[in-house]
N, C-alpha and C. Protein backbone atom coordinates (compact mmCIF):
# COMPACT_ATOMS: atom_id res chain seq x y z
N UNK A 1 119.17 -178.40 78.88
CA UNK A 1 120.07 -179.39 79.44
C UNK A 1 121.52 -179.12 79.01
N UNK A 2 121.74 -178.18 78.06
CA UNK A 2 123.11 -177.90 77.63
C UNK A 2 123.87 -177.23 78.77
N UNK A 3 125.11 -177.69 78.93
CA UNK A 3 125.95 -177.09 79.95
C UNK A 3 125.73 -177.66 81.34
N UNK A 4 124.83 -178.60 81.49
CA UNK A 4 124.60 -179.21 82.79
C UNK A 4 125.32 -180.55 82.88
N UNK A 5 125.47 -181.02 84.09
CA UNK A 5 126.16 -182.29 84.30
C UNK A 5 125.37 -183.44 83.68
N UNK A 6 124.04 -183.45 83.85
CA UNK A 6 123.21 -184.53 83.29
C UNK A 6 123.25 -184.52 81.76
N UNK A 7 123.26 -183.37 81.15
CA UNK A 7 123.35 -183.27 79.70
C UNK A 7 124.66 -183.81 79.19
N UNK A 8 125.76 -183.48 79.92
CA UNK A 8 127.07 -183.99 79.52
C UNK A 8 127.13 -185.51 79.65
N UNK A 9 126.53 -186.05 80.70
CA UNK A 9 126.52 -187.51 80.90
C UNK A 9 125.74 -188.19 79.79
N UNK A 10 124.59 -187.64 79.42
CA UNK A 10 123.79 -188.22 78.33
C UNK A 10 124.53 -188.16 77.00
N UNK A 11 125.19 -187.04 76.73
CA UNK A 11 125.95 -186.90 75.49
C UNK A 11 127.11 -187.89 75.45
N UNK A 12 127.77 -188.08 76.58
CA UNK A 12 128.86 -189.05 76.66
C UNK A 12 128.34 -190.48 76.43
N UNK A 13 127.20 -190.80 77.03
CA UNK A 13 126.60 -192.13 76.86
C UNK A 13 126.18 -192.34 75.40
N UNK A 14 125.60 -191.34 74.77
CA UNK A 14 125.18 -191.44 73.38
C UNK A 14 126.39 -191.66 72.47
N UNK A 15 127.47 -190.96 72.70
CA UNK A 15 128.67 -191.14 71.86
C UNK A 15 129.29 -192.51 72.09
N UNK A 16 129.26 -193.03 73.33
CA UNK A 16 129.77 -194.37 73.60
C UNK A 16 128.93 -195.44 72.87
N UNK A 17 127.63 -195.27 72.91
CA UNK A 17 126.75 -196.22 72.21
C UNK A 17 126.98 -196.18 70.71
N UNK A 18 127.21 -195.00 70.16
CA UNK A 18 127.48 -194.91 68.73
C UNK A 18 128.80 -195.59 68.37
N UNK A 19 129.81 -195.39 69.20
CA UNK A 19 131.10 -196.04 68.94
C UNK A 19 130.99 -197.56 69.07
N UNK A 20 130.25 -198.01 70.07
CA UNK A 20 130.04 -199.45 70.25
C UNK A 20 129.26 -200.03 69.08
N UNK A 21 128.26 -199.31 68.60
CA UNK A 21 127.48 -199.78 67.45
C UNK A 21 128.34 -199.87 66.20
N UNK A 22 129.25 -198.92 66.02
CA UNK A 22 130.14 -198.97 64.85
C UNK A 22 131.08 -200.15 64.95
N UNK A 23 131.63 -200.42 66.13
CA UNK A 23 132.54 -201.55 66.31
C UNK A 23 131.83 -202.89 66.13
N UNK A 24 130.60 -202.99 66.62
CA UNK A 24 129.87 -204.26 66.53
C UNK A 24 129.19 -204.47 65.18
N UNK A 25 129.08 -203.44 64.38
CA UNK A 25 128.38 -203.57 63.09
C UNK A 25 129.08 -204.55 62.16
N UNK A 26 130.38 -204.71 62.28
CA UNK A 26 131.12 -205.66 61.45
C UNK A 26 130.96 -207.08 61.97
N UNK A 27 130.78 -207.26 63.26
CA UNK A 27 130.76 -208.59 63.85
C UNK A 27 129.36 -209.18 63.97
N UNK A 28 128.39 -208.36 64.26
CA UNK A 28 127.04 -208.84 64.53
C UNK A 28 126.08 -208.18 63.55
N UNK A 29 125.20 -208.99 62.96
CA UNK A 29 124.21 -208.42 62.06
C UNK A 29 123.08 -207.79 62.86
N UNK A 30 122.43 -206.86 62.26
CA UNK A 30 121.34 -206.16 62.92
C UNK A 30 120.15 -207.10 63.06
N UNK A 31 119.55 -207.19 64.24
CA UNK A 31 118.41 -208.11 64.39
C UNK A 31 117.20 -207.63 63.60
N UNK A 32 116.42 -208.60 63.14
CA UNK A 32 115.21 -208.26 62.39
C UNK A 32 114.16 -207.72 63.34
N UNK A 33 113.44 -206.75 62.85
CA UNK A 33 112.34 -206.22 63.63
C UNK A 33 111.21 -207.24 63.64
N UNK A 34 110.61 -207.50 64.79
CA UNK A 34 109.53 -208.50 64.82
C UNK A 34 108.32 -208.01 64.04
N UNK A 35 107.72 -208.95 63.30
CA UNK A 35 106.53 -208.63 62.52
C UNK A 35 105.32 -208.69 63.43
N UNK A 36 104.59 -207.63 63.47
CA UNK A 36 103.42 -207.61 64.34
C UNK A 36 102.14 -207.98 63.59
N UNK A 37 102.13 -207.81 62.29
CA UNK A 37 100.94 -208.14 61.51
C UNK A 37 101.19 -209.40 60.71
N UNK A 38 100.19 -210.23 60.65
CA UNK A 38 100.32 -211.47 59.91
C UNK A 38 100.15 -211.21 58.41
N UNK A 39 100.58 -212.18 57.62
CA UNK A 39 100.47 -212.06 56.17
C UNK A 39 99.03 -212.27 55.73
N UNK A 40 98.38 -213.22 56.35
CA UNK A 40 97.03 -213.62 55.95
C UNK A 40 96.07 -213.31 57.10
N UNK A 41 94.84 -213.03 56.78
CA UNK A 41 93.78 -212.70 57.74
C UNK A 41 94.16 -211.48 58.58
N UNK A 42 94.49 -210.39 57.92
CA UNK A 42 94.86 -209.17 58.64
C UNK A 42 93.65 -208.49 59.27
N UNK A 43 92.54 -208.53 58.59
CA UNK A 43 91.34 -207.86 59.09
C UNK A 43 90.38 -208.88 59.69
N UNK A 44 89.63 -208.49 60.69
CA UNK A 44 88.74 -209.45 61.36
C UNK A 44 87.44 -209.70 60.59
N UNK A 45 87.55 -210.25 59.40
CA UNK A 45 86.36 -210.56 58.61
C UNK A 45 85.83 -211.93 58.99
N UNK A 46 84.53 -212.10 58.81
CA UNK A 46 83.89 -213.37 59.13
C UNK A 46 84.13 -214.37 58.00
N UNK A 47 84.43 -215.60 58.38
CA UNK A 47 84.58 -216.67 57.39
C UNK A 47 83.30 -217.49 57.27
N UNK A 48 82.58 -217.62 58.36
CA UNK A 48 81.37 -218.43 58.39
C UNK A 48 80.17 -217.54 58.68
N UNK A 49 79.07 -217.82 58.02
CA UNK A 49 77.87 -217.00 58.20
C UNK A 49 77.21 -217.22 59.55
N UNK A 50 77.04 -218.47 59.92
CA UNK A 50 76.41 -218.79 61.19
C UNK A 50 77.34 -218.38 62.32
N UNK A 51 76.86 -217.61 63.26
CA UNK A 51 77.70 -217.08 64.33
C UNK A 51 77.50 -217.84 65.64
N UNK A 52 77.34 -219.15 65.56
CA UNK A 52 77.22 -219.94 66.78
C UNK A 52 78.58 -220.01 67.46
N UNK A 53 78.60 -220.46 68.69
CA UNK A 53 79.84 -220.54 69.45
C UNK A 53 80.83 -221.49 68.77
N UNK A 54 80.33 -222.61 68.29
CA UNK A 54 81.20 -223.58 67.63
C UNK A 54 81.82 -223.01 66.36
N UNK A 55 81.02 -222.30 65.57
CA UNK A 55 81.54 -221.73 64.32
C UNK A 55 82.52 -220.60 64.59
N UNK A 56 82.25 -219.77 65.58
CA UNK A 56 83.19 -218.69 65.90
C UNK A 56 84.50 -219.25 66.42
N UNK A 57 84.43 -220.30 67.23
CA UNK A 57 85.65 -220.91 67.74
C UNK A 57 86.44 -221.58 66.62
N UNK A 58 85.74 -222.26 65.72
CA UNK A 58 86.42 -222.87 64.57
C UNK A 58 87.08 -221.81 63.70
N UNK A 59 86.41 -220.71 63.52
CA UNK A 59 86.96 -219.61 62.72
C UNK A 59 88.21 -219.04 63.38
N UNK A 60 88.18 -218.86 64.69
CA UNK A 60 89.34 -218.35 65.42
C UNK A 60 90.50 -219.33 65.33
N UNK A 61 90.21 -220.62 65.47
CA UNK A 61 91.27 -221.62 65.39
C UNK A 61 91.85 -221.69 63.99
N UNK A 62 91.01 -221.58 62.98
CA UNK A 62 91.48 -221.59 61.59
C UNK A 62 92.39 -220.41 61.31
N UNK A 63 91.98 -219.23 61.75
CA UNK A 63 92.81 -218.05 61.56
C UNK A 63 94.11 -218.14 62.36
N UNK A 64 94.03 -218.67 63.57
CA UNK A 64 95.25 -218.82 64.38
C UNK A 64 96.21 -219.80 63.74
N UNK A 65 95.68 -220.84 63.10
CA UNK A 65 96.53 -221.82 62.41
C UNK A 65 97.34 -221.14 61.32
N UNK A 66 96.70 -220.28 60.54
CA UNK A 66 97.40 -219.64 59.43
C UNK A 66 98.16 -218.39 59.83
N UNK A 67 97.84 -217.80 60.96
CA UNK A 67 98.61 -216.64 61.42
C UNK A 67 99.95 -217.06 61.99
N UNK A 68 100.06 -218.28 62.46
CA UNK A 68 101.34 -218.79 62.93
C UNK A 68 102.16 -219.19 61.71
N UNK A 69 103.29 -218.54 61.52
CA UNK A 69 104.06 -218.77 60.29
C UNK A 69 104.59 -220.20 60.21
N UNK A 70 104.90 -220.82 61.34
CA UNK A 70 105.43 -222.19 61.30
C UNK A 70 104.37 -223.17 60.81
N UNK A 71 103.14 -223.06 61.32
CA UNK A 71 102.10 -223.99 60.88
C UNK A 71 101.65 -223.70 59.46
N UNK A 72 101.69 -222.42 59.06
CA UNK A 72 101.32 -222.10 57.68
C UNK A 72 102.35 -222.67 56.71
N UNK A 73 103.63 -222.57 57.06
CA UNK A 73 104.68 -223.16 56.21
C UNK A 73 104.52 -224.67 56.14
N UNK A 74 104.24 -225.29 57.28
CA UNK A 74 104.05 -226.74 57.31
C UNK A 74 102.86 -227.15 56.45
N UNK A 75 101.78 -226.39 56.52
CA UNK A 75 100.59 -226.67 55.72
C UNK A 75 100.91 -226.58 54.23
N UNK A 76 101.61 -225.53 53.83
CA UNK A 76 101.96 -225.36 52.41
C UNK A 76 102.94 -226.43 51.94
N UNK A 77 103.89 -226.79 52.80
CA UNK A 77 104.85 -227.83 52.42
C UNK A 77 104.17 -229.18 52.30
N UNK A 78 103.31 -229.51 53.26
CA UNK A 78 102.61 -230.79 53.18
C UNK A 78 101.65 -230.82 52.00
N UNK A 79 101.04 -229.69 51.69
CA UNK A 79 100.18 -229.63 50.52
C UNK A 79 100.95 -229.89 49.24
N UNK A 80 102.09 -229.22 49.10
CA UNK A 80 102.91 -229.42 47.91
C UNK A 80 103.48 -230.82 47.81
N UNK A 81 103.95 -231.35 48.93
CA UNK A 81 104.49 -232.71 48.92
C UNK A 81 103.43 -233.76 48.66
N UNK A 82 102.23 -233.55 49.20
CA UNK A 82 101.18 -234.54 48.97
C UNK A 82 100.71 -234.50 47.51
N UNK A 83 100.70 -233.33 46.90
CA UNK A 83 100.35 -233.24 45.48
C UNK A 83 101.40 -233.97 44.64
N UNK A 84 102.68 -233.75 44.99
CA UNK A 84 103.75 -234.45 44.25
C UNK A 84 103.70 -235.96 44.49
N UNK A 85 103.37 -236.36 45.73
CA UNK A 85 103.32 -237.79 46.05
C UNK A 85 102.17 -238.48 45.33
N UNK A 86 101.11 -237.75 45.04
CA UNK A 86 99.98 -238.34 44.32
C UNK A 86 100.23 -238.32 42.81
N UNK A 87 100.96 -237.32 42.32
CA UNK A 87 101.15 -237.18 40.87
C UNK A 87 102.23 -238.09 40.31
N UNK A 88 103.25 -238.39 41.09
CA UNK A 88 104.40 -239.10 40.53
C UNK A 88 104.25 -240.61 40.38
N UNK A 89 103.69 -241.36 41.33
CA UNK A 89 103.64 -242.81 41.17
C UNK A 89 102.64 -243.24 40.09
N UNK A 90 102.73 -244.50 39.63
CA UNK A 90 101.76 -245.00 38.66
C UNK A 90 100.38 -245.18 39.28
N UNK A 91 99.39 -245.53 38.44
CA UNK A 91 97.99 -245.49 38.82
C UNK A 91 97.62 -246.22 40.11
N UNK A 92 97.80 -247.49 40.29
CA UNK A 92 97.23 -248.06 41.52
C UNK A 92 97.96 -247.59 42.77
N UNK A 93 99.22 -247.25 42.64
CA UNK A 93 99.99 -246.83 43.82
C UNK A 93 99.55 -245.45 44.28
N UNK A 94 99.27 -244.55 43.34
CA UNK A 94 98.93 -243.19 43.75
C UNK A 94 97.56 -243.11 44.43
N UNK A 95 96.67 -244.02 44.17
CA UNK A 95 95.38 -244.05 44.88
C UNK A 95 95.62 -244.44 46.34
N UNK A 96 96.48 -245.43 46.55
CA UNK A 96 96.80 -245.86 47.91
C UNK A 96 97.53 -244.74 48.66
N UNK A 97 98.46 -244.08 47.96
CA UNK A 97 99.19 -242.96 48.58
C UNK A 97 98.22 -241.84 48.95
N UNK A 98 97.26 -241.56 48.08
CA UNK A 98 96.27 -240.51 48.36
C UNK A 98 95.45 -240.86 49.60
N UNK A 99 95.02 -242.11 49.71
CA UNK A 99 94.24 -242.52 50.88
C UNK A 99 95.07 -242.43 52.15
N UNK A 100 96.33 -242.84 52.09
CA UNK A 100 97.19 -242.76 53.27
C UNK A 100 97.50 -241.32 53.65
N UNK A 101 97.67 -240.46 52.66
CA UNK A 101 97.89 -239.05 52.94
C UNK A 101 96.67 -238.39 53.58
N UNK A 102 95.49 -238.80 53.17
CA UNK A 102 94.28 -238.27 53.78
C UNK A 102 94.21 -238.65 55.25
N UNK A 103 94.56 -239.88 55.56
CA UNK A 103 94.57 -240.33 56.96
C UNK A 103 95.64 -239.58 57.75
N UNK A 104 96.83 -239.40 57.15
CA UNK A 104 97.90 -238.67 57.83
C UNK A 104 97.51 -237.21 58.09
N UNK A 105 96.91 -236.57 57.10
CA UNK A 105 96.48 -235.18 57.27
C UNK A 105 95.39 -235.06 58.32
N UNK A 106 94.52 -236.06 58.40
CA UNK A 106 93.48 -236.06 59.43
C UNK A 106 94.11 -236.05 60.82
N UNK A 107 95.09 -236.91 61.02
CA UNK A 107 95.76 -236.96 62.32
C UNK A 107 96.46 -235.64 62.61
N UNK A 108 97.14 -235.09 61.61
CA UNK A 108 97.86 -233.83 61.83
C UNK A 108 96.91 -232.68 62.15
N UNK A 109 95.79 -232.60 61.44
CA UNK A 109 94.86 -231.50 61.69
C UNK A 109 94.19 -231.63 63.05
N UNK A 110 93.87 -232.84 63.46
CA UNK A 110 93.30 -233.00 64.79
C UNK A 110 94.33 -232.71 65.88
N UNK A 111 95.60 -232.99 65.63
CA UNK A 111 96.64 -232.63 66.60
C UNK A 111 96.75 -231.11 66.72
N UNK A 112 96.67 -230.41 65.60
CA UNK A 112 96.73 -228.95 65.67
C UNK A 112 95.50 -228.40 66.39
N UNK A 113 94.36 -229.06 66.24
CA UNK A 113 93.19 -228.65 67.00
C UNK A 113 93.43 -228.87 68.49
N UNK A 114 94.05 -229.97 68.85
CA UNK A 114 94.33 -230.24 70.27
C UNK A 114 95.23 -229.16 70.87
N UNK A 115 96.20 -228.69 70.09
CA UNK A 115 97.07 -227.61 70.56
C UNK A 115 96.25 -226.36 70.83
N UNK A 116 95.33 -226.05 69.94
CA UNK A 116 94.49 -224.87 70.14
C UNK A 116 93.51 -225.08 71.30
N UNK A 117 92.92 -226.26 71.39
CA UNK A 117 91.91 -226.51 72.41
C UNK A 117 92.50 -226.51 73.81
N UNK A 118 93.79 -226.79 73.95
CA UNK A 118 94.42 -226.78 75.26
C UNK A 118 95.20 -225.49 75.51
N UNK A 119 95.06 -224.51 74.64
CA UNK A 119 95.79 -223.25 74.81
C UNK A 119 95.16 -222.42 75.92
N UNK A 120 95.89 -221.39 76.32
CA UNK A 120 95.41 -220.51 77.39
C UNK A 120 94.15 -219.75 76.98
N UNK A 121 94.03 -219.43 75.69
CA UNK A 121 92.86 -218.69 75.22
C UNK A 121 91.58 -219.48 75.48
N UNK A 122 91.59 -220.75 75.13
CA UNK A 122 90.40 -221.58 75.30
C UNK A 122 90.15 -221.86 76.77
N UNK A 123 91.20 -221.93 77.55
CA UNK A 123 91.03 -222.19 78.98
C UNK A 123 90.38 -221.01 79.71
N UNK A 124 90.49 -219.81 79.14
CA UNK A 124 89.86 -218.64 79.77
C UNK A 124 88.34 -218.68 79.68
N UNK A 125 87.84 -219.28 78.61
CA UNK A 125 86.41 -219.29 78.37
C UNK A 125 85.88 -220.69 78.66
N UNK A 126 84.75 -220.77 79.32
CA UNK A 126 84.16 -222.08 79.58
C UNK A 126 83.32 -222.48 78.38
N UNK A 127 83.71 -223.57 77.77
CA UNK A 127 83.02 -224.08 76.59
C UNK A 127 82.24 -225.32 76.95
N UNK A 128 81.14 -225.48 76.27
CA UNK A 128 80.41 -226.74 76.32
C UNK A 128 81.22 -227.76 75.54
N UNK A 129 81.32 -228.99 76.02
CA UNK A 129 82.16 -229.99 75.35
C UNK A 129 81.64 -230.30 73.95
N UNK A 130 80.32 -230.25 73.77
CA UNK A 130 79.77 -230.51 72.44
C UNK A 130 80.12 -229.38 71.47
N UNK A 131 80.07 -228.13 71.94
CA UNK A 131 80.43 -227.00 71.08
C UNK A 131 81.91 -227.05 70.73
N UNK A 132 82.74 -227.46 71.67
CA UNK A 132 84.17 -227.57 71.40
C UNK A 132 84.45 -228.68 70.39
N UNK A 133 83.71 -229.79 70.50
CA UNK A 133 83.87 -230.89 69.55
C UNK A 133 83.41 -230.47 68.14
N UNK A 134 82.29 -229.76 68.07
CA UNK A 134 81.82 -229.26 66.76
C UNK A 134 82.79 -228.26 66.15
N UNK A 135 83.37 -227.42 66.99
CA UNK A 135 84.35 -226.45 66.49
C UNK A 135 85.59 -227.16 65.96
N UNK A 136 86.02 -228.20 66.64
CA UNK A 136 87.18 -228.96 66.18
C UNK A 136 86.94 -229.63 64.85
N UNK A 137 85.79 -230.26 64.72
CA UNK A 137 85.50 -230.93 63.45
C UNK A 137 85.32 -229.92 62.31
N UNK A 138 84.76 -228.76 62.61
CA UNK A 138 84.61 -227.71 61.60
C UNK A 138 85.97 -227.18 61.15
N UNK A 139 86.86 -226.92 62.11
CA UNK A 139 88.19 -226.41 61.76
C UNK A 139 88.98 -227.42 60.94
N UNK A 140 88.90 -228.69 61.32
CA UNK A 140 89.63 -229.73 60.59
C UNK A 140 89.10 -229.85 59.17
N UNK A 141 87.79 -229.75 59.00
CA UNK A 141 87.22 -229.79 57.65
C UNK A 141 87.67 -228.59 56.82
N UNK A 142 87.72 -227.42 57.45
CA UNK A 142 88.15 -226.22 56.74
C UNK A 142 89.62 -226.33 56.31
N UNK A 143 90.43 -226.99 57.11
CA UNK A 143 91.83 -227.18 56.75
C UNK A 143 92.01 -228.25 55.67
N UNK A 144 91.15 -229.26 55.69
CA UNK A 144 91.34 -230.39 54.78
C UNK A 144 90.84 -230.11 53.36
N UNK A 145 89.74 -229.42 53.21
CA UNK A 145 89.08 -229.31 51.91
C UNK A 145 90.00 -228.75 50.81
N UNK A 146 90.78 -227.67 51.03
CA UNK A 146 91.65 -227.21 49.93
C UNK A 146 92.69 -228.24 49.51
N UNK A 147 93.34 -228.88 50.47
CA UNK A 147 94.35 -229.89 50.12
C UNK A 147 93.67 -231.10 49.49
N UNK A 148 92.51 -231.49 49.99
CA UNK A 148 91.79 -232.63 49.41
C UNK A 148 91.40 -232.39 47.97
N UNK A 149 90.95 -231.18 47.67
CA UNK A 149 90.58 -230.86 46.28
C UNK A 149 91.81 -230.93 45.38
N UNK A 150 92.91 -230.34 45.83
CA UNK A 150 94.12 -230.35 45.00
C UNK A 150 94.68 -231.76 44.83
N UNK A 151 94.66 -232.56 45.89
CA UNK A 151 95.16 -233.93 45.77
C UNK A 151 94.28 -234.75 44.82
N UNK A 152 92.98 -234.64 44.97
CA UNK A 152 92.07 -235.39 44.10
C UNK A 152 92.17 -234.95 42.66
N UNK A 153 92.28 -233.65 42.43
CA UNK A 153 92.41 -233.16 41.06
C UNK A 153 93.71 -233.63 40.43
N UNK A 154 94.79 -233.61 41.20
CA UNK A 154 96.08 -234.08 40.70
C UNK A 154 96.05 -235.57 40.40
N UNK A 155 95.36 -236.32 41.26
CA UNK A 155 95.23 -237.76 41.05
C UNK A 155 94.51 -238.05 39.73
N UNK A 156 93.40 -237.39 39.50
CA UNK A 156 92.65 -237.60 38.26
C UNK A 156 93.38 -237.06 37.04
N UNK A 157 94.07 -235.93 37.20
CA UNK A 157 94.81 -235.34 36.10
C UNK A 157 95.97 -236.23 35.67
N UNK A 158 96.64 -236.84 36.64
CA UNK A 158 97.75 -237.74 36.31
C UNK A 158 97.22 -239.06 35.73
N UNK A 159 95.99 -239.37 36.02
CA UNK A 159 95.42 -240.64 35.61
C UNK A 159 94.87 -240.56 34.19
N UNK A 160 93.86 -239.72 33.96
CA UNK A 160 93.21 -239.69 32.64
C UNK A 160 93.03 -238.29 32.04
N UNK A 161 92.90 -237.28 32.84
CA UNK A 161 92.69 -235.95 32.27
C UNK A 161 91.97 -235.04 33.25
N UNK A 162 91.67 -233.82 32.80
CA UNK A 162 91.12 -232.84 33.73
C UNK A 162 89.67 -233.12 34.10
N UNK A 163 88.89 -233.73 33.24
CA UNK A 163 87.50 -234.06 33.59
C UNK A 163 87.48 -235.11 34.69
N UNK A 164 88.32 -236.11 34.53
CA UNK A 164 88.43 -237.12 35.58
C UNK A 164 89.02 -236.50 36.84
N UNK A 165 89.87 -235.48 36.67
CA UNK A 165 90.44 -234.78 37.82
C UNK A 165 89.38 -234.12 38.67
N UNK A 166 88.37 -233.55 38.03
CA UNK A 166 87.28 -232.93 38.78
C UNK A 166 86.49 -233.99 39.54
N UNK A 167 86.23 -235.12 38.89
CA UNK A 167 85.49 -236.20 39.56
C UNK A 167 86.29 -236.82 40.70
N UNK A 168 87.59 -237.02 40.48
CA UNK A 168 88.39 -237.59 41.57
C UNK A 168 88.59 -236.59 42.70
N UNK A 169 88.59 -235.30 42.39
CA UNK A 169 88.67 -234.29 43.45
C UNK A 169 87.44 -234.39 44.35
N UNK A 170 86.26 -234.54 43.72
CA UNK A 170 85.04 -234.70 44.52
C UNK A 170 85.08 -236.00 45.33
N UNK A 171 85.60 -237.06 44.72
CA UNK A 171 85.70 -238.33 45.43
C UNK A 171 86.70 -238.28 46.57
N UNK A 172 87.84 -237.61 46.35
CA UNK A 172 88.85 -237.50 47.41
C UNK A 172 88.33 -236.67 48.58
N UNK A 173 87.61 -235.59 48.27
CA UNK A 173 87.06 -234.77 49.35
C UNK A 173 85.98 -235.54 50.11
N UNK A 174 85.14 -236.29 49.39
CA UNK A 174 84.11 -237.09 50.05
C UNK A 174 84.74 -238.16 50.94
N UNK A 175 85.77 -238.84 50.43
CA UNK A 175 86.47 -239.84 51.24
C UNK A 175 87.14 -239.19 52.45
N UNK A 176 87.76 -238.03 52.23
CA UNK A 176 88.41 -237.32 53.33
C UNK A 176 87.43 -236.87 54.39
N UNK A 177 86.27 -236.36 53.98
CA UNK A 177 85.27 -235.95 54.97
C UNK A 177 84.73 -237.15 55.74
N UNK A 178 84.63 -238.29 55.07
CA UNK A 178 84.21 -239.51 55.75
C UNK A 178 85.26 -239.92 56.79
N UNK A 179 86.54 -239.87 56.41
CA UNK A 179 87.61 -240.20 57.35
C UNK A 179 87.63 -239.21 58.51
N UNK A 180 87.42 -237.93 58.21
CA UNK A 180 87.39 -236.91 59.26
C UNK A 180 86.25 -237.14 60.24
N UNK A 181 85.08 -237.51 59.72
CA UNK A 181 83.94 -237.73 60.62
C UNK A 181 84.14 -238.98 61.47
N UNK A 182 84.74 -240.02 60.88
CA UNK A 182 85.03 -241.23 61.66
C UNK A 182 86.07 -240.91 62.75
N UNK A 183 87.11 -240.16 62.40
CA UNK A 183 88.12 -239.80 63.39
C UNK A 183 87.52 -238.91 64.48
N UNK A 184 86.62 -238.01 64.10
CA UNK A 184 85.95 -237.17 65.11
C UNK A 184 85.07 -237.99 66.02
N UNK A 185 84.38 -238.99 65.46
CA UNK A 185 83.53 -239.85 66.29
C UNK A 185 84.39 -240.67 67.25
N UNK A 186 85.54 -241.17 66.78
CA UNK A 186 86.44 -241.94 67.65
C UNK A 186 86.98 -241.04 68.76
N UNK A 187 87.33 -239.80 68.43
CA UNK A 187 87.83 -238.88 69.46
C UNK A 187 86.75 -238.55 70.47
N UNK A 188 85.50 -238.44 70.01
CA UNK A 188 84.41 -238.13 70.92
C UNK A 188 84.12 -239.30 71.87
N UNK A 189 84.21 -240.52 71.37
CA UNK A 189 83.95 -241.67 72.25
C UNK A 189 85.09 -241.89 73.23
N UNK A 190 86.31 -241.49 72.87
CA UNK A 190 87.44 -241.62 73.79
C UNK A 190 87.38 -240.60 74.91
N UNK A 191 86.83 -239.42 74.63
CA UNK A 191 86.82 -238.35 75.63
C UNK A 191 85.81 -238.57 76.72
């Protein structure tokens, strides 16, 4: 291509782009390269042993929740704030705050399930309504249990000590699972 008209045009264009890049380098910062790989769940490993349709769908929704950086940040922020909200107030107030946070997290997790259930991915596949309901309740439970354990442990730790923290963690998770099942039953009767 050396010595040809097309080669000269390409060389001229390349030098113009280099000059433009030098002039704009002071005014505009270089854009970040988009991240194609997620931080968490990089490999397609199974989370649940049973490979039913409901469990596979719940697993996909759980991974999609954490692969989205905005929802993962929201989850971590709400987890940290709920732990602080349970640890800071005095005894009777922090139990009420813990119960209200469990109800709030239930609503938030079911809303995130609704976003997934109405996405284009789920619309491509025909699901049985019962399997979709089971997948939703499974995903919500998977999202709640870590935060519920930490909130309950913090509640007991702030109250009497680490032994009581273990017991209150079990109680908070049991109460949370009860709230989740009631909310799932209400959602099923509304649908």
